[in-house]
Amino acid sequence: QVQLVESGGGLVQAGGSLRLSCAASGRTLRNYAMGWFRQAPGKEREFVATCWSGAGTDYADSAKGRFTISREKDKNTVYLQMNSLTLEDTAVYYCAADPNIAQAIALRTYRYWGQGTQVTVSS
């Protein structure tokens, strides 16, 4: 069983930055796809970014050029650096993990999920 715990959310002004962290436990996630999703009030959960073994990454169009996903050398901590935040980035951000990298990349479906961390961007 894999447990994921997000942290780093909070209140930030538009144009500011935040770094979210996702700490995984239960097993080594070196060969897992790790992803970030978000859900804004009244909206469906949406894909933000993913990374997988090696240096593979993928981003939603809304995140490209502003967000960076990375993982610790030990592979069990994943980060989402978010810059140039806008009001539209306000959401609960979720960390996710899946051992089926190909499926996670192609379908953006993940088996394990964290509880989420709130990010609020103010004007």
C-alpha atoms as a PDB file:
ATOM      1  CA  GLN A   1       0.000   0.000   0.000  1.00  0.00           C
ATOM      2  CA  VAL A   2       1.212   3.463  -0.881  1.00  0.00           C
ATOM      3  CA  GLN A   3       0.477   6.535   1.200  1.00  0.00           C
ATOM      4  CA  LEU A   4       0.854  10.024  -0.220  1.00  0.00           C
ATOM      5  CA  VAL A   5       0.902  13.200   1.858  1.00  0.00           C
ATOM      6  CA  GLU A   6       0.905  16.629   0.265  1.00  0.00           C
ATOM      7  CA  SER A   7       2.152  19.824   1.888  1.00  0.00           C
ATOM      8  CA  GLY A   8       3.144  23.344   0.964  1.00  0.00           C
ATOM      9  CA  GLY A   9      -0.217  24.774   0.045  1.00  0.00           C
ATOM     10  CA  GLY A  10      -1.380  28.131   1.319  1.00  0.00           C
ATOM     11  CA  LEU A  11      -2.408  31.652   0.430  1.00  0.00           C
ATOM     12  CA  VAL A  12      -0.324  33.565  -2.087  1.00  0.00           C
ATOM     13  CA  GLN A  13      -0.797  36.751  -4.074  1.00  0.00           C
ATOM     14  CA  ALA A  14      -1.194  36.655  -7.807  1.00  0.00           C
ATOM     15  CA  GLY A  15       2.203  36.566  -9.469  1.00  0.00           C
ATOM     16  CA  GLY A  16       3.744  34.766  -6.534  1.00  0.00           C
ATOM     17  CA  SER A  17       5.162  31.274  -6.152  1.00  0.00           C
ATOM     18  CA  LEU A  18       4.580  28.157  -4.103  1.00  0.00           C
ATOM     19  CA  ARG A  19       6.276  24.801  -3.932  1.00  0.00           C
ATOM     20  CA  LEU A  20       4.142  21.788  -3.152  1.00  0.00           C
ATOM     21  CA  SER A  21       5.637  18.597  -1.784  1.00  0.00           C
ATOM     22  CA  CYS A  22       4.369  15.041  -1.881  1.00  0.00           C
ATOM     23  CA  ALA A  23       5.925  12.545   0.498  1.00  0.00           C
ATOM     24  CA  ALA A  24       5.318   8.915  -0.335  1.00  0.00           C
ATOM     25  CA  SER A  25       5.611   5.957   2.012  1.00  0.00           C
ATOM     26  CA  GLY A  26       4.821   2.287   1.917  1.00  0.00           C
ATOM     27  CA  ARG A  27       7.222   1.381  -0.832  1.00  0.00           C
ATOM     28  CA  THR A  28       9.873   2.895  -3.050  1.00  0.00           C
ATOM     29  CA  LEU A  29       8.275   4.706  -5.937  1.00  0.00           C
ATOM     30  CA  ARG A  30      11.346   4.797  -8.128  1.00  0.00           C
ATOM     31  CA  ASN A  31       9.511   3.058 -10.969  1.00  0.00           C
ATOM     32  CA  TYR A  32       6.179   4.774 -10.515  1.00  0.00           C
ATOM     33  CA  ALA A  33       4.618   7.590 -12.443  1.00  0.00           C
ATOM     34  CA  MET A  34       3.990  10.518 -10.079  1.00  0.00           C
ATOM     35  CA  GLY A  35       1.476  13.183 -10.898  1.00  0.00           C
ATOM     36  CA  TRP A  36      -0.183  16.351  -9.695  1.00  0.00           C
ATOM     37  CA  PHE A  37      -3.832  17.131 -10.246  1.00  0.00           C
ATOM     38  CA  ARG A  38      -6.062  19.928  -9.029  1.00  0.00           C
ATOM     39  CA  GLN A  39      -9.729  20.568  -8.445  1.00  0.00           C
ATOM     40  CA  ALA A  40     -11.164  24.048  -8.305  1.00  0.00           C
ATOM     41  CA  PRO A  41     -14.537  24.768  -6.668  1.00  0.00           C
ATOM     42  CA  GLY A  42     -17.374  23.622  -8.890  1.00  0.00           C
ATOM     43  CA  LYS A  43     -15.040  22.037 -11.415  1.00  0.00           C
ATOM     44  CA  GLU A  44     -13.826  18.552 -12.174  1.00  0.00           C
ATOM     45  CA  ARG A  45     -10.393  17.408 -11.146  1.00  0.00           C
ATOM     46  CA  GLU A  46      -7.846  18.130 -13.854  1.00  0.00           C
ATOM     47  CA  PHE A  47      -4.352  16.975 -14.705  1.00  0.00           C
ATOM     48  CA  VAL A  48      -1.482  19.370 -13.965  1.00  0.00           C
ATOM     49  CA  ALA A  49       1.804  17.527 -14.387  1.00  0.00           C
ATOM     50  CA  THR A  50       3.460  14.131 -14.241  1.00  0.00           C
ATOM     51  CA  CYS A  51       6.941  12.674 -14.084  1.00  0.00           C
ATOM     52  CA  TRP A  52       8.298   9.161 -14.434  1.00  0.00           C
ATOM     53  CA  SER A  53      11.531   7.205 -14.162  1.00  0.00           C
ATOM     54  CA  GLY A  54      14.411   8.989 -15.754  1.00  0.00           C
ATOM     55  CA  ALA A  55      13.641  12.568 -16.647  1.00  0.00           C
ATOM     56  CA  GLY A  56      10.282  12.181 -18.331  1.00  0.00           C
ATOM     57  CA  THR A  57       7.732  14.891 -17.655  1.00  0.00           C
ATOM     58  CA  ASP A  58       4.444  16.071 -19.090  1.00  0.00           C
ATOM     59  CA  TYR A  59       2.384  19.153 -18.339  1.00  0.00           C
ATOM     60  CA  ALA A  60      -1.068  20.495 -18.915  1.00  0.00           C
ATOM     61  CA  ASP A  61      -1.095  23.475 -21.245  1.00  0.00           C
ATOM     62  CA  SER A  62      -2.076  25.694 -18.312  1.00  0.00           C
ATOM     63  CA  ALA A  63       1.055  24.633 -16.429  1.00  0.00           C
ATOM     64  CA  LYS A  64       3.649  24.775 -19.195  1.00  0.00           C
ATOM     65  CA  GLY A  65       6.246  27.470 -18.641  1.00  0.00           C
ATOM     66  CA  ARG A  66       5.054  28.206 -15.104  1.00  0.00           C
ATOM     67  CA  PHE A  67       5.094  24.917 -13.183  1.00  0.00           C
ATOM     68  CA  THR A  68       7.901  22.416 -12.767  1.00  0.00           C
ATOM     69  CA  ILE A  69       7.523  18.890 -11.470  1.00  0.00           C
ATOM     70  CA  SER A  70      10.563  17.183  -9.967  1.00  0.00           C
ATOM     71  CA  ARG A  71      11.429  14.321  -7.670  1.00  0.00           C
ATOM     72  CA  GLU A  72      14.040  13.716  -4.998  1.00  0.00           C
ATOM     73  CA  LYS A  73      17.010  11.523  -5.734  1.00  0.00           C
ATOM     74  CA  ASP A  74      15.531   8.793  -3.526  1.00  0.00           C
ATOM     75  CA  LYS A  75      12.418   8.978  -5.726  1.00  0.00           C
ATOM     76  CA  ASN A  76       9.958   9.073  -2.807  1.00  0.00           C
ATOM     77  CA  THR A  77       9.341  12.817  -2.712  1.00  0.00           C
ATOM     78  CA  VAL A  78       7.848  14.779  -5.558  1.00  0.00           C
ATOM     79  CA  TYR A  79       7.603  18.542  -5.865  1.00  0.00           C
ATOM     80  CA  LEU A  80       5.556  20.960  -7.879  1.00  0.00           C
ATOM     81  CA  GLN A  81       7.151  24.375  -8.191  1.00  0.00           C
ATOM     82  CA  MET A  82       4.502  26.864  -9.198  1.00  0.00           C
ATOM     83  CA  ASN A  83       5.469  30.326 -10.433  1.00  0.00           C
ATOM     84  CA  SER A  84       3.506  33.271 -11.807  1.00  0.00           C
ATOM     85  CA  LEU A  85       0.377  32.086 -10.059  1.00  0.00           C
ATOM     86  CA  THR A  86      -2.973  33.446 -11.158  1.00  0.00           C
ATOM     87  CA  LEU A  87      -6.431  33.442  -9.609  1.00  0.00           C
ATOM     88  CA  GLU A  88      -7.289  30.523 -11.897  1.00  0.00           C
ATOM     89  CA  ASP A  89      -4.720  28.371 -10.101  1.00  0.00           C
ATOM     90  CA  THR A  90      -6.792  28.391  -6.930  1.00  0.00           C
ATOM     91  CA  ALA A  91      -7.691  24.777  -6.202  1.00  0.00           C
ATOM     92  CA  VAL A  92      -7.025  21.755  -4.059  1.00  0.00           C
ATOM     93  CA  TYR A  93      -3.903  20.096  -5.393  1.00  0.00           C
ATOM     94  CA  TYR A  94      -3.570  16.324  -5.238  1.00  0.00           C
ATOM     95  CA  CYS A  95      -0.556  14.090  -5.569  1.00  0.00           C
ATOM     96  CA  ALA A  96      -0.976  10.749  -7.318  1.00  0.00           C
ATOM     97  CA  ALA A  97       1.116   7.668  -8.052  1.00  0.00           C
ATOM     98  CA  ASP A  98       0.802   4.601 -10.263  1.00  0.00           C
ATOM     99  CA  PRO A  99       3.140   1.693 -11.051  1.00  0.00           C
ATOM    100  CA  ASN A 100       1.845   1.450 -14.618  1.00  0.00           C
ATOM    101  CA  ILE A 101       3.814   4.304 -16.135  1.00  0.00           C
ATOM    102  CA  ALA A 102       2.546   3.828 -19.690  1.00  0.00           C
ATOM    103  CA  GLN A 103      -1.079   3.857 -18.584  1.00  0.00           C
ATOM    104  CA  ALA A 104      -0.577   6.842 -16.306  1.00  0.00           C
ATOM    105  CA  ILE A 105       1.026   8.815 -19.111  1.00  0.00           C
ATOM    106  CA  ALA A 106      -1.515   7.839 -21.768  1.00  0.00           C
ATOM    107  CA  LEU A 107      -4.705   7.879 -19.726  1.00  0.00           C
ATOM    108  CA  ARG A 108      -3.750  10.055 -16.763  1.00  0.00           C
ATOM    109  CA  THR A 109      -5.286   7.520 -14.414  1.00  0.00           C
ATOM    110  CA  TYR A 110      -3.587   6.819 -11.117  1.00  0.00           C
ATOM    111  CA  ARG A 111      -4.122   4.209  -8.439  1.00  0.00           C
ATOM    112  CA  TYR A 112      -2.944   6.053  -5.339  1.00  0.00           C
ATOM    113  CA  TRP A 113      -3.984   9.503  -4.213  1.00  0.00           C
ATOM    114  CA  GLY A 114      -3.174  11.912  -1.435  1.00  0.00           C
ATOM    115  CA  GLN A 115      -5.696  13.943   0.541  1.00  0.00           C
ATOM    116  CA  GLY A 116      -4.860  17.213  -1.156  1.00  0.00           C
ATOM    117  CA  THR A 117      -3.505  20.597  -0.153  1.00  0.00           C
ATOM    118  CA  GLN A 118      -5.319  23.886  -0.676  1.00  0.00           C
ATOM    119  CA  VAL A 119      -3.760  26.593  -2.832  1.00  0.00           C
ATOM    120  CA  THR A 120      -5.457  29.961  -2.809  1.00  0.00           C
ATOM    121  CA  VAL A 121      -4.282  32.793  -5.022  1.00  0.00           C
ATOM    122  CA  SER A 122      -5.491  36.265  -4.097  1.00  0.00           C
ATOM    123  CA  SER A 123      -5.539  39.463  -6.130  1.00  0.00           C
END
